[in-house]
Structure formats: C-alpha cells, structure tokens
Amino acid sequence: MADRPLTLMAVHAHPDDEATGTGGVLAQYAAEGVRTVLVTCTDGGCGDGPGGVKPGDPGHDPTAVASIRRQELKESCEVLRISDLEMLDYADSGMMGWPTNDAPGSFWRTPVEEGAARLAELMRHYEPDVVVTYDENGFYGHPDHIQAHRITMAALELTGLTPKVYWTTMPHSAVRRFGETMREFAEDVPEPDPAEDDAMAGIGLPDDEVTTWVDTTAYSGQKFDALAAHASQGENIFFLRMGRERFGELMGVETFLRIRDTTGAAVPETDLFAGLR
C-alpha cells in the first residue's frame, strides 16, 4: 500500500460526463497526487454530428461521431490531468425510449454480468480507494447512466474490494439554483410548473441527505475547459453559455452520496478520501 498512490476511479457513461459531475474532483485530486482513473462505458455515438445534426437525421453517422468524441475525451482528460483512461466502447444507447436502446451492441442491452466482469478486471488492476458512479436512476433516468451504475455495483461484488463508494448527486437547493440560471441564459426554458415539482423531487437529494460536499472552486477553470473540449456537443452543453466566472459560481462544489465506507469518517464530509489519509 505504501508504494501505491491513492486511487480514484470514476465510472461514467459517455464522453463529456466526466467533466460535468466530476471534473472538479478529478482535477483537484490529480493535482494532489492521487491517481485518477476514468472508465467511459460508451462510445458517445448518439451525440450530435458535425453541424449539430441529430441522431436519426440524414447525415448522422454514429461511427464518425464516436471517433470525434473519442478525441475530445482524450483532450478533456489532458485538461483534467487524468492519469488513466479506459474505454469499454459499448454502443451509445441514446435517451430512454429511443430505438437505439435495443440496437445490437448497445450498452443498455448488454448483460450486466458481461459489463461487470470487464469492469471488475479494471478494478483488480487499479485497486481504487474511492469509486464514483451514478445512483440507481442514473441521476436523471438515462439508460446508459443506469447501466453504468449497475455494472459498477456488480463489479464491486465480484472483486470483493472495499473502496469508499459514492454516487453523484445534487442537493435540491442547487437544482433550484440551476433552474434559475438556465432561465437566465436560455430564453426557451419555461418558468417552473408547480405540477412538475414531484418530478423534480426525483432529481438529487434534500440538502441534509447529501453526505459529501467537495469545494473544487479552485479547479472550476479546468472543469470549464474540459467541457469545452467536447466542442462537437456544444449545443447540448448548457454550462458553456454562462462563461467561466458564472460557471465557477454555479459548479464550484461537487456533491455526492456516500454509500459504502470502511473508514468511519464522519459525515457530512468535504473530501472523498476522508479517513484514507
């Protein structure tokens, strides 16, 4: 253990997910000498093509999109100083209900046992001290996020490793703040409908249930640049519209739910590695 650096493994669904929810912690811990391992499960082929062409529209080539996004992902990893990138390269399943959900080779239709076995091999190799992925609903119901959660939890069982395990989340106060900011920068975002309050309550957690609050404000510039590296998806990355300063104000704290721990570190905590150093 003494000759091995502390290791963080983040398991994400698509190229660009690494920057949105965990760009700050990946940059911060890399700067602190932690080995940062990113596992990206899909090729991102259901993203926008050149010129913003959408999946299913004429001229959208998933293979070409995946190639572009692979290069953008590598650029993002350089910005965040990620130590190791591993791509499982399953086909992007698209949003819930899309025909691509059931396409041959899609991540969504891949047996959990298969994906978990591949991920378990990586876990045995890197021996992470901390593992981060999504909650059971993939944060907002995306099939690839849900599947990333499933294979991560299954892989942990296969390996018998006992890292601290976290799911990304957002406190409800931040969900409200995010909605207000979206309406400020995007004219097409409607005012909140009280009838949708129940649906919004399914995203994130009440503030007092969030276990881990990591202030990564000092690294928000890197996080912004990592998102900007995914230029082909710029139309879908709302955060880039607000500029670096406002981005840092809104996205400077990354929040998690700690669901496994053997250190006894008290919560709420401000460090994913609390109790390990």
Protein backbone atom coordinates (compact mmCIF):
# COMPACT_ATOMS: atom_id res chain seq x y z
CA MET A 1 0.00 0.00 0.00
CA ALA A 2 2.81 2.40 0.87
CA ASP A 3 4.31 2.28 -2.64
CA ARG A 4 0.95 2.78 -4.35
CA PRO A 5 -0.68 6.18 -4.69
CA LEU A 6 -4.23 6.74 -3.53
CA THR A 7 -6.51 5.98 -6.48
CA LEU A 8 -9.87 7.38 -7.56
CA MET A 9 -11.91 5.55 -10.20
CA ALA A 10 -14.84 7.34 -11.82
CA VAL A 11 -17.20 5.22 -13.94
CA HIS A 12 -19.13 7.31 -16.46
CA ALA A 13 -21.47 6.60 -19.34
CA HIS A 14 -20.39 8.91 -22.19
CA PRO A 15 -17.59 11.21 -23.27
CA ASP A 16 -18.25 14.58 -21.53
CA ASP A 17 -19.93 13.05 -18.44
CA GLU A 18 -16.55 13.01 -16.71
CA ALA A 19 -16.41 16.80 -16.81
CA THR A 20 -19.99 17.64 -15.86
CA GLY A 21 -20.33 15.92 -12.50
CA THR A 22 -16.78 15.05 -11.51
CA GLY A 23 -14.46 17.39 -13.43
CA GLY A 24 -13.65 19.31 -10.27
CA VAL A 25 -12.71 16.33 -8.11
CA LEU A 26 -10.76 14.70 -10.93
CA ALA A 27 -8.71 17.87 -11.42
CA GLN A 28 -8.27 18.53 -7.71
CA TYR A 29 -7.21 15.05 -6.74
CA ALA A 30 -4.86 14.78 -9.71
CA ALA A 31 -3.20 17.99 -8.51
CA GLU A 32 -2.85 16.43 -5.06
CA GLY A 33 -1.01 13.40 -6.44
CA VAL A 34 -3.95 10.98 -6.48
CA ARG A 35 -4.08 8.53 -9.38
CA THR A 36 -7.26 9.31 -11.29
CA VAL A 37 -8.79 6.57 -13.43
CA LEU A 38 -11.70 7.32 -15.76
CA VAL A 39 -13.79 4.48 -17.17
CA THR A 40 -16.08 5.61 -20.01
CA CYS A 41 -18.62 2.92 -20.86
CA THR A 42 -19.95 4.00 -24.29
CA ASP A 43 -18.61 5.49 -27.49
CA GLY A 44 -20.95 8.51 -27.47
CA GLY A 45 -22.23 7.68 -30.96
CA CYS A 46 -25.71 9.03 -30.19
CA GLY A 47 -24.34 12.53 -29.70
CA ASP A 48 -24.61 15.36 -32.22
CA GLY A 49 -22.77 15.06 -35.51
CA PRO A 50 -20.92 17.85 -37.34
CA GLY A 51 -23.09 20.93 -37.71
CA GLY A 52 -25.35 19.77 -34.89
CA VAL A 53 -27.04 17.01 -36.92
CA LYS A 54 -29.10 14.88 -34.55
CA PRO A 55 -29.16 11.08 -34.20
CA GLY A 56 -31.56 9.54 -36.69
CA ASP A 57 -31.43 12.53 -39.02
CA PRO A 58 -29.92 12.31 -42.53
CA GLY A 59 -26.16 12.69 -42.39
CA HIS A 60 -25.74 11.44 -38.82
CA ASP A 61 -23.02 8.77 -38.77
CA PRO A 62 -22.66 7.20 -35.30
CA THR A 63 -19.24 5.76 -36.16
CA ALA A 64 -17.90 9.14 -37.22
CA VAL A 65 -19.45 10.82 -34.17
CA ALA A 66 -17.84 8.25 -31.89
CA SER A 67 -14.45 8.90 -33.47
CA ILE A 68 -14.75 12.65 -32.92
CA ARG A 69 -15.91 12.18 -29.34
CA ARG A 70 -13.05 9.80 -28.54
CA GLN A 71 -10.56 12.51 -29.49
CA GLU A 72 -12.47 15.12 -27.50
CA LEU A 73 -12.48 12.81 -24.49
CA LYS A 74 -8.70 12.46 -24.69
CA GLU A 75 -8.39 16.25 -24.80
CA SER A 76 -10.66 16.57 -21.75
CA CYS A 77 -8.52 14.03 -19.89
CA GLU A 78 -5.42 16.08 -20.65
CA VAL A 79 -7.09 19.20 -19.28
CA LEU A 80 -8.13 17.40 -16.09
CA ARG A 81 -4.74 15.63 -15.83
CA ILE A 82 -6.49 12.26 -15.62
CA SER A 83 -3.90 9.53 -15.11
CA ASP A 84 -5.59 6.66 -16.91
CA LEU A 85 -8.46 6.47 -19.42
CA GLU A 86 -10.22 3.16 -20.04
CA MET A 87 -12.98 2.90 -22.65
CA LEU A 88 -15.35 -0.07 -22.63
CA ASP A 89 -16.61 1.15 -26.04
CA TYR A 90 -20.15 -0.15 -25.90
CA ALA A 91 -22.52 1.48 -28.40
CA ASP A 92 -24.27 4.55 -27.03
CA SER A 93 -27.89 3.60 -26.22
CA GLY A 94 -29.35 7.08 -26.66
CA MET A 95 -32.09 8.52 -24.47
CA MET A 96 -34.69 6.28 -22.82
CA GLY A 97 -37.21 5.06 -25.39
CA TRP A 98 -35.01 5.62 -28.45
CA PRO A 99 -34.76 2.70 -30.93
CA THR A 100 -31.01 2.65 -30.24
CA ASN A 101 -31.75 1.30 -26.75
CA ASP A 102 -32.21 -2.15 -28.28
CA ALA A 103 -29.67 -1.98 -31.08
CA PRO A 104 -27.13 -4.81 -31.21
CA GLY A 105 -24.11 -3.94 -29.09
CA SER A 106 -25.83 -1.13 -27.20
CA PHE A 107 -24.78 -0.72 -23.60
CA TRP A 108 -28.39 -0.86 -22.40
CA ARG A 109 -29.00 -4.35 -23.80
CA THR A 110 -25.59 -5.70 -22.75
CA PRO A 111 -25.96 -8.21 -19.90
CA VAL A 112 -24.92 -6.61 -16.62
CA GLU A 113 -22.74 -9.64 -15.90
CA GLU A 114 -20.69 -9.04 -19.03
CA GLY A 115 -20.06 -5.36 -18.35
CA ALA A 116 -19.39 -6.05 -14.68
CA ALA A 117 -16.79 -8.70 -15.49
CA ARG A 118 -14.87 -6.27 -17.70
CA LEU A 119 -15.06 -3.51 -15.12
CA ALA A 120 -14.06 -5.88 -12.32
CA GLU A 121 -10.88 -6.67 -14.25
CA LEU A 122 -10.03 -2.96 -14.29
CA MET A 123 -10.81 -2.65 -10.59
CA ARG A 124 -8.49 -5.51 -9.77
CA HIS A 125 -5.76 -3.85 -11.83
CA TYR A 126 -6.09 -0.33 -10.38
CA GLU A 127 -7.29 -1.25 -6.85
CA PRO A 128 -9.19 2.03 -6.35
CA ASP A 129 -9.53 3.50 -2.87
CA VAL A 130 -12.57 5.51 -4.00
CA VAL A 131 -15.12 4.63 -6.69
CA VAL A 132 -17.63 7.16 -8.05
CA THR A 133 -20.60 6.45 -10.32
CA TYR A 134 -24.32 7.29 -10.61
CA ASP A 135 -27.29 6.32 -8.44
CA GLU A 136 -29.85 3.64 -9.40
CA ASN A 137 -31.71 6.09 -11.64
CA GLY A 138 -28.57 7.29 -13.39
CA PHE A 139 -29.30 10.71 -11.82
CA TYR A 140 -31.95 11.55 -14.42
CA GLY A 141 -33.04 8.28 -15.97
CA HIS A 142 -30.64 7.90 -18.89
CA PRO A 143 -30.31 4.19 -19.75
CA ASP A 144 -26.52 4.29 -20.09
CA HIS A 145 -26.17 6.02 -16.73
CA ILE A 146 -28.40 3.41 -15.12
CA GLN A 147 -26.37 0.64 -16.72
CA ALA A 148 -23.09 2.23 -15.57
CA HIS A 149 -24.47 2.17 -12.03
CA ARG A 150 -25.48 -1.47 -12.37
CA ILE A 151 -22.18 -2.76 -13.69
CA THR A 152 -20.22 -0.75 -11.13
CA MET A 153 -22.08 -2.15 -8.17
CA ALA A 154 -21.93 -5.67 -9.64
CA ALA A 155 -18.20 -5.35 -10.34
CA LEU A 156 -17.54 -4.36 -6.74
CA GLU A 157 -19.30 -7.52 -5.60
CA LEU A 158 -17.24 -9.62 -8.00
CA THR A 159 -13.92 -8.25 -6.79
CA GLY A 160 -14.56 -8.19 -3.07
CA LEU A 161 -12.66 -4.89 -2.94
CA THR A 162 -13.77 -2.42 -0.26
CA PRO A 163 -13.21 1.11 -1.55
CA LYS A 164 -15.29 4.04 -0.41
CA VAL A 165 -18.17 4.21 -2.90
CA TYR A 166 -20.03 7.36 -3.91
CA TRP A 167 -22.92 8.21 -6.18
CA THR A 168 -23.04 11.64 -7.80
CA THR A 169 -25.98 13.75 -6.70
CA MET A 170 -27.20 17.32 -6.45
CA PRO A 171 -28.76 18.98 -3.40
CA HIS A 172 -32.26 20.30 -4.04
CA SER A 173 -31.08 23.85 -3.34
CA ALA A 174 -28.62 23.51 -6.24
CA VAL A 175 -31.32 22.00 -8.50
CA ARG A 176 -33.42 25.14 -7.93
CA ARG A 177 -30.43 27.42 -8.49
CA PHE A 178 -29.57 25.57 -11.67
CA GLY A 179 -33.11 26.01 -12.99
CA GLU A 180 -32.99 29.74 -12.29
CA THR A 181 -29.66 30.06 -14.10
CA MET A 182 -30.93 28.11 -17.11
CA ARG A 183 -33.86 30.52 -17.43
CA GLU A 184 -31.44 33.44 -17.23
CA PHE A 185 -29.22 32.20 -20.06
CA ALA A 186 -31.70 30.30 -22.22
CA GLU A 187 -34.85 32.11 -23.33
CA ASP A 188 -36.59 28.88 -24.33
CA VAL A 189 -36.62 27.49 -20.76
CA PRO A 190 -40.11 27.97 -19.24
CA GLU A 191 -40.89 29.08 -15.72
CA PRO A 192 -41.24 26.18 -13.29
CA ASP A 193 -44.62 24.47 -13.29
CA PRO A 194 -45.83 23.56 -9.77
CA ALA A 195 -47.28 20.42 -11.29
CA GLU A 196 -43.74 19.29 -12.08
CA ASP A 197 -42.47 19.63 -8.52
CA ASP A 198 -42.88 15.92 -7.87
CA ALA A 199 -40.83 15.05 -10.94
CA MET A 200 -38.08 17.47 -9.92
CA ALA A 201 -38.04 15.96 -6.45
CA GLY A 202 -36.78 12.77 -8.07
CA ILE A 203 -33.58 14.54 -9.12
CA GLY A 204 -30.93 14.88 -6.46
CA LEU A 205 -31.48 14.80 -2.71
CA PRO A 206 -32.63 17.06 0.10
CA ASP A 207 -29.63 19.08 1.21
CA ASP A 208 -29.40 17.36 4.60
CA GLU A 209 -29.14 13.93 2.94
CA VAL A 210 -26.08 14.84 0.86
CA THR A 211 -23.11 13.28 2.65
CA THR A 212 -20.19 14.81 0.80
CA TRP A 213 -19.54 18.36 -0.37
CA VAL A 214 -16.21 18.94 -2.13
CA ASP A 215 -15.30 22.57 -2.83
CA THR A 216 -13.49 22.43 -6.17
CA THR A 217 -13.86 26.12 -6.99
CA ALA A 218 -10.11 26.47 -7.49
CA TYR A 219 -10.37 23.96 -10.33
CA SER A 220 -13.54 25.26 -11.97
CA GLY A 221 -11.49 26.77 -14.81
CA GLN A 222 -10.11 23.34 -15.66
CA LYS A 223 -13.60 21.87 -15.42
CA PHE A 224 -14.94 24.54 -17.81
CA ASP A 225 -12.11 23.88 -20.26
CA ALA A 226 -12.68 20.12 -20.06
CA LEU A 227 -16.33 20.64 -21.00
CA ALA A 228 -15.29 23.00 -23.80
CA ALA A 229 -13.04 20.24 -25.17
CA HIS A 230 -16.26 18.42 -26.11
CA ALA A 231 -16.92 21.07 -28.74
CA SER A 232 -18.97 18.85 -31.03
CA GLN A 233 -21.63 18.66 -28.30
CA GLY A 234 -21.60 22.38 -27.56
CA GLU A 235 -25.28 22.80 -28.40
CA ASN A 236 -26.14 20.33 -25.62
CA ILE A 237 -23.72 21.65 -23.00
CA PHE A 238 -25.71 24.46 -21.45
CA PHE A 239 -22.99 25.30 -18.92
CA LEU A 240 -20.70 26.77 -21.57
CA ARG A 241 -23.18 29.57 -22.30
CA MET A 242 -22.71 31.23 -18.92
CA GLY A 243 -18.98 31.95 -19.17
CA ARG A 244 -16.17 30.90 -16.87
CA GLU A 245 -16.97 33.16 -13.90
CA ARG A 246 -20.65 32.25 -13.55
CA PHE A 247 -19.78 28.63 -14.27
CA GLY A 248 -17.41 28.62 -11.29
CA GLU A 249 -20.08 30.11 -9.05
CA LEU A 250 -22.68 27.51 -10.05
CA MET A 251 -20.49 24.45 -10.50
CA GLY A 252 -17.71 25.01 -7.97
CA VAL A 253 -18.94 22.48 -5.39
CA GLU A 254 -19.41 18.83 -6.34
CA THR A 255 -21.71 16.75 -4.20
CA PHE A 256 -22.06 13.03 -3.56
CA LEU A 257 -23.90 10.41 -1.57
CA ARG A 258 -21.51 8.09 0.25
CA ILE A 259 -22.95 4.61 0.20
CA ARG A 260 -20.01 2.43 1.27
CA ASP A 261 -17.30 3.22 3.78
CA THR A 262 -14.92 1.26 5.97
CA THR A 263 -13.02 4.23 7.40
CA GLY A 264 -15.57 5.53 9.90
CA ALA A 265 -15.07 9.09 8.63
CA ALA A 266 -17.83 11.37 9.90
CA VAL A 267 -20.41 12.84 7.55
CA PRO A 268 -21.02 15.34 6.19
CA GLU A 269 -17.51 15.28 4.78
CA THR A 270 -15.59 17.58 2.44
CA ASP A 271 -13.13 15.04 0.99
CA LEU A 272 -13.76 11.78 -0.88
CA PHE A 273 -10.59 10.47 0.74
CA ALA A 274 -11.57 11.38 4.30
CA GLY A 275 -10.34 8.61 6.57
CA LEU A 276 -7.83 7.38 4.00
CA ARG A 277 -5.11 9.98 4.51
